[in-house]
């Protein structure tokens, strides 16, 4: 068997941006465009309609990378941890 018949495995480094960083970036983009970021993000979470989020700075594409259920779970956990 020569080298051409071997299966090669390549490790791809996936530069995942954490949920907190994505949410912060989306918040900043909304604020820069003159929107109320909290209202827009809540609207997106409740409806899952990405048009609540601006395209500015690729914010809409970024927020769509986060699973909405995971986002809600992280927000609730974060809120409850701060109250403890």
N, C-alpha and C. Protein backbone atom coordinates (compact mmCIF):
# COMPACT_ATOMS: atom_id res chain seq x y z
N UNK A 1 0.85 -1.17 0.00
CA UNK A 1 0.00 0.00 0.00
C UNK A 1 0.91 1.24 0.00
N UNK A 2 0.69 2.12 -0.93
CA UNK A 2 1.52 3.32 -0.97
C UNK A 2 0.81 4.48 -0.27
N UNK A 3 1.51 5.60 -0.17
CA UNK A 3 0.98 6.76 0.56
C UNK A 3 -0.31 7.32 -0.03
N UNK A 4 -0.55 7.09 -1.31
CA UNK A 4 -1.75 7.63 -1.95
C UNK A 4 -3.02 6.91 -1.50
N UNK A 5 -2.87 5.69 -1.01
CA UNK A 5 -4.04 4.91 -0.59
C UNK A 5 -4.41 5.16 0.87
N UNK A 6 -3.57 5.85 1.60
CA UNK A 6 -3.85 6.10 3.01
C UNK A 6 -4.85 7.23 3.18
N UNK A 7 -5.71 7.07 4.14
CA UNK A 7 -6.64 8.14 4.48
C UNK A 7 -5.91 9.09 5.42
N UNK A 8 -6.01 10.35 5.10
CA UNK A 8 -5.35 11.35 5.93
C UNK A 8 -6.38 12.12 6.73
N UNK A 9 -6.00 12.41 7.94
CA UNK A 9 -6.87 13.19 8.81
C UNK A 9 -6.22 14.54 9.03
N UNK A 10 -6.98 15.58 8.80
CA UNK A 10 -6.49 16.93 9.02
C UNK A 10 -7.30 17.56 10.13
N UNK A 11 -6.62 18.13 11.09
CA UNK A 11 -7.30 18.84 12.16
C UNK A 11 -7.53 20.27 11.72
N UNK A 12 -8.78 20.64 11.63
CA UNK A 12 -9.14 22.00 11.26
C UNK A 12 -9.38 22.78 12.53
N UNK A 13 -8.70 23.88 12.67
CA UNK A 13 -8.89 24.71 13.84
C UNK A 13 -10.12 25.58 13.59
N UNK A 14 -11.15 25.34 14.37
CA UNK A 14 -12.39 26.09 14.24
C UNK A 14 -12.35 27.22 15.25
N UNK A 15 -12.32 28.42 14.75
CA UNK A 15 -12.27 29.59 15.63
C UNK A 15 -13.67 29.98 16.05
N UNK A 16 -14.18 29.24 17.00
CA UNK A 16 -15.53 29.54 17.48
C UNK A 16 -15.49 30.74 18.40
N UNK A 17 -16.43 31.60 18.17
CA UNK A 17 -16.57 32.77 19.05
C UNK A 17 -17.59 32.39 20.10
N UNK A 18 -17.26 32.64 21.33
CA UNK A 18 -18.16 32.29 22.42
C UNK A 18 -19.46 33.08 22.38
N UNK A 19 -20.46 32.54 23.01
CA UNK A 19 -21.77 33.18 23.05
C UNK A 19 -21.70 34.59 23.62
N UNK A 20 -20.93 34.76 24.67
CA UNK A 20 -20.81 36.07 25.30
C UNK A 20 -20.22 37.09 24.33
N UNK A 21 -19.20 36.67 23.60
CA UNK A 21 -18.56 37.58 22.64
C UNK A 21 -19.51 37.93 21.49
N UNK A 22 -20.26 36.94 21.03
CA UNK A 22 -21.22 37.19 19.95
C UNK A 22 -22.29 38.17 20.42
N UNK A 23 -22.84 37.90 21.60
CA UNK A 23 -23.90 38.75 22.12
C UNK A 23 -23.39 40.18 22.35
N UNK A 24 -22.18 40.30 22.85
CA UNK A 24 -21.60 41.63 23.06
C UNK A 24 -21.39 42.37 21.74
N UNK A 25 -20.93 41.65 20.75
CA UNK A 25 -20.71 42.25 19.43
C UNK A 25 -22.03 42.69 18.80
N UNK A 26 -23.05 41.85 18.91
CA UNK A 26 -24.37 42.18 18.37
C UNK A 26 -24.93 43.40 19.11
N UNK A 27 -24.79 43.40 20.42
CA UNK A 27 -25.25 44.53 21.24
C UNK A 27 -24.58 45.83 20.77
N UNK A 28 -23.26 45.80 20.61
CA UNK A 28 -22.52 46.99 20.19
C UNK A 28 -22.96 47.46 18.80
N UNK A 29 -23.17 46.51 17.89
CA UNK A 29 -23.60 46.87 16.53
C UNK A 29 -24.97 47.53 16.54
N UNK A 30 -25.88 46.97 17.33
CA UNK A 30 -27.22 47.56 17.42
C UNK A 30 -27.15 48.97 18.01
N UNK A 31 -26.35 49.13 19.04
CA UNK A 31 -26.22 50.43 19.69
C UNK A 31 -25.62 51.46 18.72
N UNK A 32 -24.59 51.05 17.98
CA UNK A 32 -23.96 51.95 17.01
C UNK A 32 -24.93 52.41 15.92
N UNK A 33 -25.87 51.55 15.57
CA UNK A 33 -26.84 51.90 14.53
C UNK A 33 -28.05 52.65 15.08
N UNK A 34 -28.05 52.91 16.40
CA UNK A 34 -29.11 53.72 16.98
C UNK A 34 -30.32 52.96 17.48
N UNK A 35 -30.22 51.64 17.54
CA UNK A 35 -31.32 50.82 18.05
C UNK A 35 -31.20 50.66 19.56
N UNK A 36 -32.30 50.27 20.20
CA UNK A 36 -32.26 49.87 21.59
C UNK A 36 -31.86 48.39 21.58
N UNK A 37 -30.61 48.10 21.94
CA UNK A 37 -30.11 46.72 21.80
C UNK A 37 -30.89 45.69 22.61
N UNK A 38 -31.30 46.05 23.81
CA UNK A 38 -32.04 45.10 24.64
C UNK A 38 -33.36 44.73 23.98
N UNK A 39 -34.11 45.74 23.53
CA UNK A 39 -35.40 45.47 22.88
C UNK A 39 -35.22 44.62 21.62
N UNK A 40 -34.19 44.91 20.84
CA UNK A 40 -33.98 44.18 19.59
C UNK A 40 -33.58 42.74 19.86
N UNK A 41 -32.70 42.53 20.83
CA UNK A 41 -32.27 41.16 21.14
C UNK A 41 -33.42 40.35 21.73
N UNK A 42 -34.21 40.97 22.61
CA UNK A 42 -35.38 40.28 23.17
C UNK A 42 -36.36 39.93 22.05
N UNK A 43 -36.59 40.86 21.14
CA UNK A 43 -37.47 40.59 20.00
C UNK A 43 -36.97 39.41 19.19
N UNK A 44 -35.67 39.36 18.97
CA UNK A 44 -35.09 38.23 18.23
C UNK A 44 -35.28 36.92 18.98
N UNK A 45 -35.00 36.94 20.29
CA UNK A 45 -35.11 35.71 21.07
C UNK A 45 -36.54 35.20 21.09
N UNK A 46 -37.50 36.10 21.27
CA UNK A 46 -38.91 35.68 21.34
C UNK A 46 -39.44 35.18 20.01
N UNK A 47 -39.03 35.81 18.92
CA UNK A 47 -39.61 35.48 17.62
C UNK A 47 -38.69 34.62 16.75
N UNK A 48 -37.41 34.63 17.05
CA UNK A 48 -36.37 34.01 16.22
C UNK A 48 -36.36 34.61 14.80
N UNK A 49 -36.82 35.84 14.71
CA UNK A 49 -36.82 36.57 13.44
C UNK A 49 -35.53 37.38 13.37
N UNK A 50 -34.61 37.00 12.48
CA UNK A 50 -33.31 37.67 12.43
C UNK A 50 -33.37 39.13 11.99
N UNK A 51 -34.50 39.57 11.47
CA UNK A 51 -34.57 40.97 11.04
C UNK A 51 -34.58 41.94 12.22
N UNK A 52 -34.72 41.43 13.44
CA UNK A 52 -34.57 42.28 14.61
C UNK A 52 -33.13 42.74 14.78
N UNK A 53 -32.21 42.02 14.16
CA UNK A 53 -30.78 42.29 14.31
C UNK A 53 -30.25 42.91 13.03
N UNK A 54 -29.50 43.98 13.18
CA UNK A 54 -28.92 44.67 12.03
C UNK A 54 -27.88 43.81 11.31
N UNK A 55 -27.70 44.07 10.04
CA UNK A 55 -26.63 43.42 9.28
C UNK A 55 -25.28 44.10 9.54
N UNK A 56 -25.31 45.28 10.13
CA UNK A 56 -24.09 46.04 10.38
C UNK A 56 -23.08 45.19 11.16
N UNK A 57 -21.84 45.22 10.73
CA UNK A 57 -20.75 44.43 11.34
C UNK A 57 -21.05 42.93 11.38
N UNK A 58 -21.88 42.47 10.46
CA UNK A 58 -22.20 41.04 10.35
C UNK A 58 -22.94 40.51 11.59
N UNK A 59 -23.62 41.42 12.30
CA UNK A 59 -24.28 41.04 13.55
C UNK A 59 -25.37 39.98 13.35
N UNK A 60 -26.12 40.10 12.28
CA UNK A 60 -27.21 39.14 12.05
C UNK A 60 -26.66 37.73 11.83
N UNK A 61 -25.62 37.63 11.04
CA UNK A 61 -25.02 36.31 10.80
C UNK A 61 -24.42 35.74 12.08
N UNK A 62 -23.85 36.61 12.89
CA UNK A 62 -23.26 36.15 14.15
C UNK A 62 -24.31 35.58 15.09
N UNK A 63 -25.40 36.31 15.27
CA UNK A 63 -26.41 35.85 16.23
C UNK A 63 -27.09 34.58 15.75
N UNK A 64 -27.15 34.39 14.44
CA UNK A 64 -27.75 33.17 13.90
C UNK A 64 -26.88 31.94 14.15
N UNK A 65 -25.63 32.14 14.56
CA UNK A 65 -24.74 31.03 14.88
C UNK A 65 -25.07 30.42 16.24
N UNK A 66 -25.80 31.17 17.05
CA UNK A 66 -26.13 30.71 18.40
C UNK A 66 -27.50 30.04 18.37
N UNK A 67 -27.58 28.85 18.95
CA UNK A 67 -28.87 28.18 19.09
C UNK A 67 -29.69 28.97 20.11
N UNK A 68 -30.91 29.31 19.75
CA UNK A 68 -31.73 30.16 20.61
C UNK A 68 -31.99 29.54 21.98
N UNK A 69 -32.22 28.23 22.03
CA UNK A 69 -32.45 27.57 23.32
C UNK A 69 -31.20 27.64 24.21
N UNK A 70 -30.04 27.45 23.60
CA UNK A 70 -28.80 27.54 24.36
C UNK A 70 -28.57 28.96 24.86
N UNK A 71 -28.92 29.93 24.02
CA UNK A 71 -28.78 31.33 24.41
C UNK A 71 -29.66 31.64 25.62
N UNK A 72 -30.92 31.21 25.58
CA UNK A 72 -31.82 31.43 26.71
C UNK A 72 -31.31 30.75 27.98
N UNK A 73 -30.83 29.54 27.83
CA UNK A 73 -30.30 28.81 28.98
C UNK A 73 -29.12 29.55 29.59
N UNK A 74 -28.20 30.01 28.76
CA UNK A 74 -27.04 30.74 29.27
C UNK A 74 -27.44 32.06 29.93
N UNK A 75 -28.42 32.74 29.35
CA UNK A 75 -28.87 34.00 29.95
C UNK A 75 -29.49 33.78 31.32
N UNK A 76 -30.32 32.75 31.45
CA UNK A 76 -30.96 32.46 32.73
C UNK A 76 -29.91 32.05 33.76
N UNK A 77 -28.98 31.17 33.34
CA UNK A 77 -27.93 30.74 34.27
C UNK A 77 -27.09 31.93 34.73
N UNK A 78 -26.73 32.80 33.81
CA UNK A 78 -25.94 33.96 34.14
C UNK A 78 -26.69 34.88 35.09
N UNK A 79 -27.95 35.10 34.83
CA UNK A 79 -28.77 35.96 35.68
C UNK A 79 -28.87 35.40 37.09
N UNK A 80 -29.12 34.10 37.20
CA UNK A 80 -29.28 33.49 38.51
C UNK A 80 -27.96 33.42 39.27
N UNK A 81 -26.86 33.25 38.58
CA UNK A 81 -25.54 33.24 39.24
C UNK A 81 -25.21 34.60 39.83
N UNK A 82 -25.60 35.67 39.17
CA UNK A 82 -25.31 37.01 39.66
C UNK A 82 -26.13 37.36 40.89
N UNK A 83 -27.32 36.76 41.03
CA UNK A 83 -28.17 37.02 42.18
C UNK A 83 -27.74 36.23 43.41
N UNK A 84 -26.97 35.19 43.22
CA UNK A 84 -26.57 34.32 44.35
C UNK A 84 -25.53 34.97 45.21
